[in-house]
Protein backbone atom coordinates (compact mmCIF):
# COMPACT_ATOMS: atom_id res chain seq x y z
CA MET A 1 133.31 4.83 58.95
CA ILE A 2 134.72 4.70 62.54
CA LEU A 3 132.46 5.30 65.61
CA ARG A 4 134.36 6.90 68.44
CA THR A 5 132.68 6.54 72.09
CA TRP A 6 133.58 8.40 75.33
CA GLY A 7 131.89 8.39 78.43
CA ALA A 8 131.86 10.41 82.12
CA ARG A 9 129.95 10.93 85.06
CA THR A 10 129.08 13.58 86.94
CA PRO A 11 126.42 14.15 89.91
CA VAL A 12 122.96 14.67 88.99
CA GLU A 13 122.97 18.54 90.39
CA CYS A 14 125.96 19.06 87.86
CA ALA A 15 124.51 17.64 84.93
CA ASP A 16 122.33 20.17 83.11
CA ALA A 17 125.48 22.48 83.58
CA PHE A 18 127.81 19.88 82.48
CA TYR A 19 125.75 19.16 79.38
CA HIS A 20 125.77 22.90 78.15
CA HIS A 21 129.61 22.92 78.92
CA LEU A 22 129.74 19.92 76.37
CA LEU A 23 127.78 21.13 73.79
CA ALA A 24 130.11 24.50 73.83
CA THR A 25 133.39 22.48 74.05
CA GLY A 26 133.82 18.98 72.67
CA ILE A 27 130.84 18.62 70.80
CA ALA A 28 131.39 22.16 69.14
CA ASP A 29 135.05 21.02 68.32
CA TYR A 30 133.93 17.81 66.83
CA ARG A 31 131.60 19.76 64.48
CA LYS A 32 134.24 21.95 63.14
CA ILE A 33 136.06 18.73 61.84
CA ALA A 34 135.01 17.92 58.00
CA GLY A 35 135.32 14.26 58.86
CA CYS A 36 133.23 14.19 61.71
CA ARG A 37 129.71 13.09 60.14
CA GLU A 38 127.50 12.78 63.30
CA VAL A 39 127.47 13.39 67.00
CA HIS A 40 124.80 12.00 69.15
CA LEU A 41 125.10 12.44 73.26
CA VAL A 42 123.10 10.01 75.34
CA ARG A 43 122.38 10.36 79.05
CA ARG A 44 121.08 8.38 81.89
CA ASP A 45 120.49 9.12 85.70
CA GLU A 46 121.12 6.48 88.03
CA GLY A 47 120.88 7.24 91.89
CA GLY A 48 122.88 10.61 92.47
CA VAL A 49 124.99 10.29 89.12
CA THR A 50 124.36 11.21 85.44
CA HIS A 51 126.07 9.19 82.86
CA PHE A 52 127.06 10.65 79.70
CA LEU A 53 127.94 8.87 76.52
CA LEU A 54 129.43 10.57 73.48
CA LEU A 55 129.13 8.69 70.28
CA SER A 56 130.76 10.33 66.99
CA PHE A 57 130.96 8.93 63.42
CA TRP A 58 134.13 9.65 61.58
CA ASP A 59 135.51 9.23 58.18
CA SER A 60 138.78 8.18 59.14
CA LEU A 61 141.69 8.18 61.71
CA ASP A 62 142.90 10.69 60.20
CA ALA A 63 139.87 12.96 60.48
CA ILE A 64 139.92 11.80 64.53
CA ARG A 65 143.59 12.75 64.78
CA THR A 66 142.58 16.39 63.33
CA TYR A 67 140.90 16.73 66.57
CA THR A 68 142.75 14.54 68.90
CA GLY A 69 146.59 14.92 67.56
CA GLU A 70 148.53 11.55 67.06
CA ASN A 71 147.27 9.83 70.48
CA PHE A 72 143.79 9.38 69.33
CA GLU A 73 142.88 6.72 72.16
CA VAL A 74 143.31 9.18 74.90
CA ALA A 75 140.31 11.26 75.77
CA VAL A 76 140.68 14.95 74.93
CA LEU A 77 139.45 16.82 78.28
CA TYR A 78 138.64 20.65 78.60
CA PRO A 79 139.52 23.31 80.90
CA GLY A 80 136.57 23.60 83.33
CA ASP A 81 135.51 20.03 83.39
CA GLU A 82 136.41 19.83 86.81
CA ALA A 83 133.63 22.48 87.81
CA TYR A 84 131.04 19.89 87.25
CA ARG A 85 132.82 17.15 89.49
CA LEU A 86 133.19 15.17 86.38
CA ASP A 87 134.64 11.54 86.50
CA PRO A 88 135.53 11.33 82.96
CA ASP A 89 136.86 8.11 80.96
CA HIS A 90 140.52 8.71 80.09
CA PHE A 91 140.36 6.82 77.19
CA VAL A 92 138.25 6.04 74.06
CA HIS A 93 136.81 3.30 72.14
CA HIS A 94 136.63 3.07 68.34
CA PHE A 95 134.64 0.58 66.30
CA ASP A 96 134.50 -0.14 62.64
CA THR A 97 130.85 0.54 61.76
CA VAL A 98 129.11 -2.33 59.55
CA SER A 99 125.73 -3.05 57.80
CA THR A 100 122.96 -4.44 59.50
CA ASP A 101 121.47 -5.57 56.21
CA PRO A 102 123.22 -8.95 55.41
CA SER A 103 122.42 -8.57 51.72
CA ALA A 104 123.84 -5.13 51.51
CA ALA A 105 126.93 -6.10 53.18
CA ASP A 106 127.72 -9.01 50.88
CA ALA A 107 127.17 -6.77 47.80
CA ARG A 108 129.64 -3.89 49.09
CA SER A 109 133.27 -3.62 47.55
CA GLU A 110 135.85 -2.52 49.83
CA ALA A 111 136.06 0.74 47.85
CA GLU A 112 132.45 1.30 49.14
CA ILE A 113 133.22 0.40 52.64
CA GLY A 114 136.03 2.66 52.94
CA PRO A 115 138.92 2.69 55.38
CA THR A 116 138.22 1.13 58.48
CA LEU A 117 140.21 1.10 62.07
CA THR A 118 142.07 -2.12 61.25
CA ASP A 119 143.55 -0.58 57.90
CA ALA A 120 144.54 2.50 59.73
CA THR A 121 145.89 0.82 62.89
CA GLY A 122 147.33 -2.53 61.49
CA SER A 123 145.63 -4.24 64.17
């Protein structure tokens, strides 16, 4: 499974409205993709800025590409984002998920783990 992360910042006074915009755009679109397993959003206020971090778990890079197109490392931004004075990350990060249970990790075969980011990118 692959974790995809994206972050953005917005002025605190725009944060609640941006949250609802994000629910209606990016998060709604993620949930339409069969290979997107989970979506989580966290936020933190710091001074006059609210930081958002979107975390999503995907079956494969092919599933991610269904959302992004071929350039899966570039963030997908939406019309209307600018209304929230958004300072978005323009690139996303992808991570292979791994077990936190050492005995379970040792016992799992490659078939059980499934495709990884490394398998798909050759990196």
